[in-house]
Amino acid sequence: MLIKVLVSMSGPSETYTGGQVYEVANERAARMVARGFATAVEETVLAVEPGAASEPDMIAETPAPTSKRGRRK
């Protein structure tokens, strides 16, 4: 179950940061929601249009060096 943690908390084997969304076992999530530490989040599925690119068309370019490195001669 997806939950949004309202307050930061940690235990012996996990840490939850307030404001973040986590996938948690159903019984643990139900206890956290019942005690007011979290709220349930609806799972949403994003629709992808047929033929849409899976990767953005942006390519990172490295900037040209502005000056040579090293000692001046």
Protein backbone atom coordinates (compact mmCIF):
# COMPACT_ATOMS: atom_id res chain seq x y z
CA MET A 1 0.00 0.00 0.00
CA LEU A 2 1.24 3.48 -0.78
CA ILE A 3 1.27 5.93 2.11
CA LYS A 4 2.42 9.50 2.58
CA VAL A 5 4.26 9.86 5.88
CA LEU A 6 3.21 12.98 7.80
CA VAL A 7 6.00 13.04 10.41
CA SER A 8 9.56 11.74 10.27
CA MET A 9 10.12 8.55 12.25
CA SER A 10 12.58 5.69 12.42
CA GLY A 11 12.75 2.21 13.84
CA PRO A 12 15.35 -0.50 14.17
CA SER A 13 15.22 -1.42 10.47
CA GLU A 14 13.59 1.49 8.63
CA THR A 15 13.46 5.28 8.47
CA TYR A 16 10.60 7.36 7.09
CA THR A 17 10.94 11.05 6.21
CA GLY A 18 7.91 13.29 6.62
CA GLY A 19 6.27 14.34 3.35
CA GLN A 20 7.61 11.35 1.36
CA VAL A 21 5.56 8.54 -0.22
CA TYR A 22 6.50 4.93 0.58
CA GLU A 23 5.34 1.43 -0.39
CA VAL A 24 4.60 -0.37 2.88
CA ALA A 25 3.01 -3.73 3.80
CA ASN A 26 -0.77 -3.43 4.12
CA GLU A 27 -1.04 -4.19 7.86
CA ARG A 28 1.81 -1.81 8.76
CA ALA A 29 0.32 0.92 6.55
CA ALA A 30 -3.11 0.46 8.18
CA ARG A 31 -1.58 0.88 11.66
CA MET A 32 0.35 4.00 10.61
CA VAL A 33 -2.78 5.57 9.07
CA ALA A 34 -4.95 4.64 12.10
CA ARG A 35 -2.46 6.26 14.48
CA GLY A 36 -2.22 9.45 12.40
CA PHE A 37 1.38 9.05 11.28
CA ALA A 38 0.49 8.71 7.58
CA THR A 39 -2.27 9.02 5.00
CA ALA A 40 -3.19 6.52 2.30
CA VAL A 41 -2.26 7.46 -1.27
CA GLU A 42 -4.18 6.20 -4.29
CA GLU A 43 -2.03 4.38 -6.81
CA THR A 44 -2.21 6.03 -10.22
CA VAL A 45 -1.19 4.63 -13.56
CA LEU A 46 0.21 7.04 -16.11
CA ALA A 47 -1.09 6.53 -19.61
CA VAL A 48 1.47 6.67 -22.41
CA GLU A 49 0.35 7.62 -25.87
CA PRO A 50 1.25 5.17 -28.65
CA GLY A 51 4.28 6.35 -30.58
CA ALA A 52 5.43 8.65 -27.77
CA ALA A 53 9.16 8.69 -27.15
CA SER A 54 10.21 6.86 -24.01
CA GLU A 55 13.30 9.01 -23.52
CA PRO A 56 13.46 12.79 -23.69
CA ASP A 57 15.15 14.24 -26.77
CA MET A 58 17.49 16.36 -24.69
CA ILE A 59 21.20 15.62 -24.93
CA ALA A 60 23.58 17.01 -22.37
CA GLU A 61 26.41 18.95 -23.95
CA THR A 62 29.68 19.53 -22.18
CA PRO A 63 30.74 23.15 -22.20
CA ALA A 64 33.97 24.08 -23.95
CA PRO A 65 36.81 24.96 -21.58
CA THR A 66 37.19 28.71 -21.12
CA SER A 67 40.90 28.67 -20.40
CA LYS A 68 43.79 26.26 -20.30
CA ARG A 69 44.64 24.72 -16.98
CA GLY A 70 48.08 24.71 -15.52
CA ARG A 71 50.89 27.15 -14.88
CA ARG A 72 51.25 30.27 -17.02
CA LYS A 73 54.34 30.45 -19.16
